[in-house]
Amino acid sequence: MLNIVSILIGLVTLAAGFVAFVPFLGWLNWLVIPIGIAGAGVGALSSSNAGRNFNLILIVIFGLRLMLGGGIV
């Protein structure tokens, strides 16, 4: 059950992350990454690794986007 919740959190993160790829909305990555961290935490409590891995991949992708945009120096 927790794996499904983690995947749903990941899908919300993914949807918000697509919006964050729009120019001038890169600040949204600062909100997307903590949501992904929460999803990875829920996925870590699950017996399956799919939700956790999905959220970790999203965290890396949006973290890289934040670095490329100059949000993390």
N, C-alpha and C. Protein backbone atom coordinates (compact mmCIF):
# COMPACT_ATOMS: atom_id res chain seq x y z
N MET A 1 0.81 -1.19 0.00
CA MET A 1 0.00 0.00 0.00
C MET A 1 0.86 1.27 0.00
N LEU A 2 1.93 1.24 0.79
CA LEU A 2 2.80 2.41 0.85
C LEU A 2 3.51 2.65 -0.48
N ASN A 3 3.75 1.56 -1.22
CA ASN A 3 4.38 1.71 -2.52
C ASN A 3 3.47 2.47 -3.48
N ILE A 4 2.18 2.19 -3.43
CA ILE A 4 1.22 2.89 -4.29
C ILE A 4 1.15 4.37 -3.90
N VAL A 5 1.16 4.65 -2.61
CA VAL A 5 1.15 6.04 -2.14
C VAL A 5 2.42 6.75 -2.61
N SER A 6 3.55 6.07 -2.54
CA SER A 6 4.81 6.66 -2.99
C SER A 6 4.78 6.95 -4.49
N ILE A 7 4.22 6.04 -5.27
CA ILE A 7 4.12 6.27 -6.72
C ILE A 7 3.19 7.43 -7.01
N LEU A 8 2.08 7.54 -6.26
CA LEU A 8 1.17 8.68 -6.45
C LEU A 8 1.84 10.00 -6.11
N ILE A 9 2.63 10.01 -5.04
CA ILE A 9 3.38 11.22 -4.70
C ILE A 9 4.38 11.53 -5.81
N GLY A 10 5.00 10.49 -6.37
CA GLY A 10 5.92 10.68 -7.47
C GLY A 10 5.24 11.25 -8.71
N LEU A 11 4.02 10.82 -8.98
CA LEU A 11 3.28 11.36 -10.12
C LEU A 11 2.93 12.83 -9.93
N VAL A 12 2.60 13.21 -8.69
CA VAL A 12 2.36 14.63 -8.40
C VAL A 12 3.65 15.42 -8.58
N THR A 13 4.76 14.85 -8.13
CA THR A 13 6.06 15.48 -8.31
C THR A 13 6.39 15.64 -9.78
N LEU A 14 6.11 14.61 -10.57
CA LEU A 14 6.38 14.66 -12.00
C LEU A 14 5.54 15.73 -12.69
N ALA A 15 4.26 15.82 -12.34
CA ALA A 15 3.39 16.83 -12.95
C ALA A 15 3.85 18.24 -12.60
N ALA A 16 4.19 18.46 -11.33
CA ALA A 16 4.68 19.78 -10.93
C ALA A 16 6.05 20.06 -11.54
N GLY A 17 6.85 19.01 -11.72
CA GLY A 17 8.16 19.18 -12.33
C GLY A 17 8.08 19.57 -13.80
N PHE A 18 7.09 19.05 -14.51
CA PHE A 18 6.90 19.47 -15.91
C PHE A 18 6.58 20.95 -15.99
N VAL A 19 5.81 21.45 -15.04
CA VAL A 19 5.51 22.88 -15.00
C VAL A 19 6.79 23.66 -14.68
N ALA A 20 7.65 23.08 -13.85
CA ALA A 20 8.89 23.77 -13.46
C ALA A 20 9.89 23.86 -14.61
N PHE A 21 9.71 23.08 -15.67
CA PHE A 21 10.61 23.17 -16.82
C PHE A 21 10.30 24.38 -17.70
N VAL A 22 9.15 25.03 -17.48
CA VAL A 22 8.80 26.22 -18.23
C VAL A 22 9.73 27.36 -17.79
N PRO A 23 10.26 28.12 -18.73
CA PRO A 23 11.12 29.24 -18.32
C PRO A 23 10.42 30.18 -17.34
N PHE A 24 11.15 30.72 -16.42
CA PHE A 24 10.70 31.63 -15.36
C PHE A 24 9.89 30.93 -14.27
N LEU A 25 9.72 29.62 -14.35
CA LEU A 25 9.05 28.88 -13.29
C LEU A 25 10.00 27.87 -12.64
N GLY A 26 11.29 28.06 -12.82
CA GLY A 26 12.28 27.17 -12.26
C GLY A 26 12.30 27.19 -10.74
N TRP A 27 11.80 28.24 -10.13
CA TRP A 27 11.73 28.32 -8.67
C TRP A 27 10.84 27.21 -8.12
N LEU A 28 9.96 26.67 -8.94
CA LEU A 28 9.06 25.61 -8.50
C LEU A 28 9.84 24.34 -8.14
N ASN A 29 11.06 24.21 -8.67
CA ASN A 29 11.89 23.05 -8.31
C ASN A 29 12.20 23.03 -6.82
N TRP A 30 12.24 24.19 -6.19
CA TRP A 30 12.47 24.24 -4.75
C TRP A 30 11.31 23.64 -3.98
N LEU A 31 10.13 23.57 -4.58
CA LEU A 31 8.98 22.91 -3.95
C LEU A 31 8.85 21.47 -4.40
N VAL A 32 9.27 21.17 -5.61
CA VAL A 32 9.13 19.83 -6.17
C VAL A 32 10.09 18.84 -5.49
N ILE A 33 11.30 19.26 -5.24
CA ILE A 33 12.30 18.35 -4.66
C ILE A 33 11.90 17.87 -3.26
N PRO A 34 11.42 18.72 -2.35
CA PRO A 34 10.98 18.19 -1.05
C PRO A 34 9.78 17.24 -1.14
N ILE A 35 8.90 17.47 -2.11
CA ILE A 35 7.79 16.53 -2.29
C ILE A 35 8.34 15.17 -2.72
N GLY A 36 9.33 15.18 -3.61
CA GLY A 36 9.96 13.94 -4.02
C GLY A 36 10.69 13.24 -2.87
N ILE A 37 11.29 14.02 -1.99
CA ILE A 37 11.97 13.44 -0.83
C ILE A 37 10.95 12.78 0.09
N ALA A 38 9.79 13.41 0.26
CA ALA A 38 8.73 12.79 1.07
C ALA A 38 8.25 11.50 0.42
N GLY A 39 8.11 11.50 -0.90
CA GLY A 39 7.70 10.28 -1.60
C GLY A 39 8.74 9.18 -1.48
N ALA A 40 10.01 9.54 -1.53
CA ALA A 40 11.06 8.55 -1.36
C ALA A 40 11.06 8.00 0.06
N GLY A 41 10.74 8.84 1.02
CA GLY A 41 10.65 8.38 2.41
C GLY A 41 9.52 7.39 2.60
N VAL A 42 8.38 7.68 2.00
CA VAL A 42 7.25 6.75 2.07
C VAL A 42 7.60 5.46 1.34
N GLY A 43 8.28 5.58 0.21
CA GLY A 43 8.68 4.39 -0.54
C GLY A 43 9.70 3.55 0.21
N ALA A 44 10.52 4.17 1.04
CA ALA A 44 11.50 3.43 1.82
C ALA A 44 10.82 2.59 2.90
N LEU A 45 9.65 3.01 3.34
CA LEU A 45 8.90 2.24 4.34
C LEU A 45 8.17 1.06 3.72
N SER A 46 8.07 1.05 2.39
CA SER A 46 7.36 0.00 1.68
C SER A 46 8.25 -1.23 1.51
N SER A 47 7.62 -2.37 1.24
CA SER A 47 8.39 -3.58 1.00
C SER A 47 8.93 -3.65 -0.42
N SER A 48 8.38 -2.84 -1.32
CA SER A 48 8.84 -2.80 -2.71
C SER A 48 9.69 -1.54 -2.92
N ASN A 49 10.53 -1.57 -3.95
CA ASN A 49 11.44 -0.46 -4.20
C ASN A 49 11.02 0.44 -5.35
N ALA A 50 9.94 0.12 -6.04
CA ALA A 50 9.58 0.85 -7.26
C ALA A 50 9.26 2.32 -6.98
N GLY A 51 8.44 2.59 -5.99
CA GLY A 51 8.07 3.97 -5.67
C GLY A 51 9.25 4.78 -5.18
N ARG A 52 10.08 4.16 -4.35
CA ARG A 52 11.27 4.85 -3.85
C ARG A 52 12.22 5.19 -4.98
N ASN A 53 12.47 4.23 -5.86
CA ASN A 53 13.38 4.46 -6.98
C ASN A 53 12.84 5.52 -7.93
N PHE A 54 11.54 5.50 -8.18
CA PHE A 54 10.92 6.50 -9.05
C PHE A 54 11.12 7.90 -8.48
N ASN A 55 10.90 8.07 -7.20
CA ASN A 55 11.07 9.37 -6.57
C ASN A 55 12.54 9.80 -6.53
N LEU A 56 13.45 8.86 -6.33
CA LEU A 56 14.87 9.20 -6.34
C LEU A 56 15.32 9.68 -7.72
N ILE A 57 14.81 9.04 -8.76
CA ILE A 57 15.14 9.48 -10.13
C ILE A 57 14.61 10.88 -10.37
N LEU A 58 13.39 11.14 -9.91
CA LEU A 58 12.81 12.49 -10.08
C LEU A 58 13.61 13.54 -9.31
N ILE A 59 14.05 13.20 -8.12
CA ILE A 59 14.85 14.14 -7.32
C ILE A 59 16.14 14.49 -8.05
N VAL A 60 16.79 13.48 -8.64
CA VAL A 60 18.04 13.73 -9.37
C VAL A 60 17.79 14.60 -10.59
N ILE A 61 16.75 14.29 -11.36
CA ILE A 61 16.45 15.05 -12.58
C ILE A 61 16.16 16.50 -12.25
N PHE A 62 15.29 16.74 -11.26
CA PHE A 62 14.92 18.12 -10.95
C PHE A 62 16.02 18.84 -10.19
N GLY A 63 16.87 18.11 -9.49
CA GLY A 63 18.05 18.72 -8.87
C GLY A 63 19.03 19.20 -9.93
N LEU A 64 19.23 18.37 -10.96
CA LEU A 64 20.09 18.79 -12.07
C LEU A 64 19.52 20.01 -12.78
N ARG A 65 18.21 20.03 -12.96
CA ARG A 65 17.55 21.17 -13.61
C ARG A 65 17.76 22.43 -12.77
N LEU A 66 17.69 22.27 -11.46
CA LEU A 66 17.89 23.41 -10.57
C LEU A 66 19.33 23.91 -10.64
N MET A 67 20.28 22.99 -10.73
CA MET A 67 21.69 23.40 -10.86
C MET A 67 21.94 24.09 -12.20
N LEU A 68 21.38 23.57 -13.27
CA LEU A 68 21.58 24.19 -14.58
C LEU A 68 20.96 25.58 -14.66
N GLY A 69 19.88 25.78 -13.93
CA GLY A 69 19.23 27.08 -13.92
C GLY A 69 19.89 28.08 -12.99
N GLY A 70 20.88 27.65 -12.23
CA GLY A 70 21.58 28.55 -11.33
C GLY A 70 20.97 28.63 -9.94
N GLY A 71 20.05 27.72 -9.62
CA GLY A 71 19.42 27.74 -8.30
C GLY A 71 20.32 27.20 -7.21
N ILE A 72 21.21 26.29 -7.58
CA ILE A 72 22.20 25.74 -6.65
C ILE A 72 23.56 26.02 -7.26
N VAL A 73 24.36 26.76 -6.55
CA VAL A 73 25.66 27.13 -7.09
C VAL A 73 26.72 26.19 -6.56
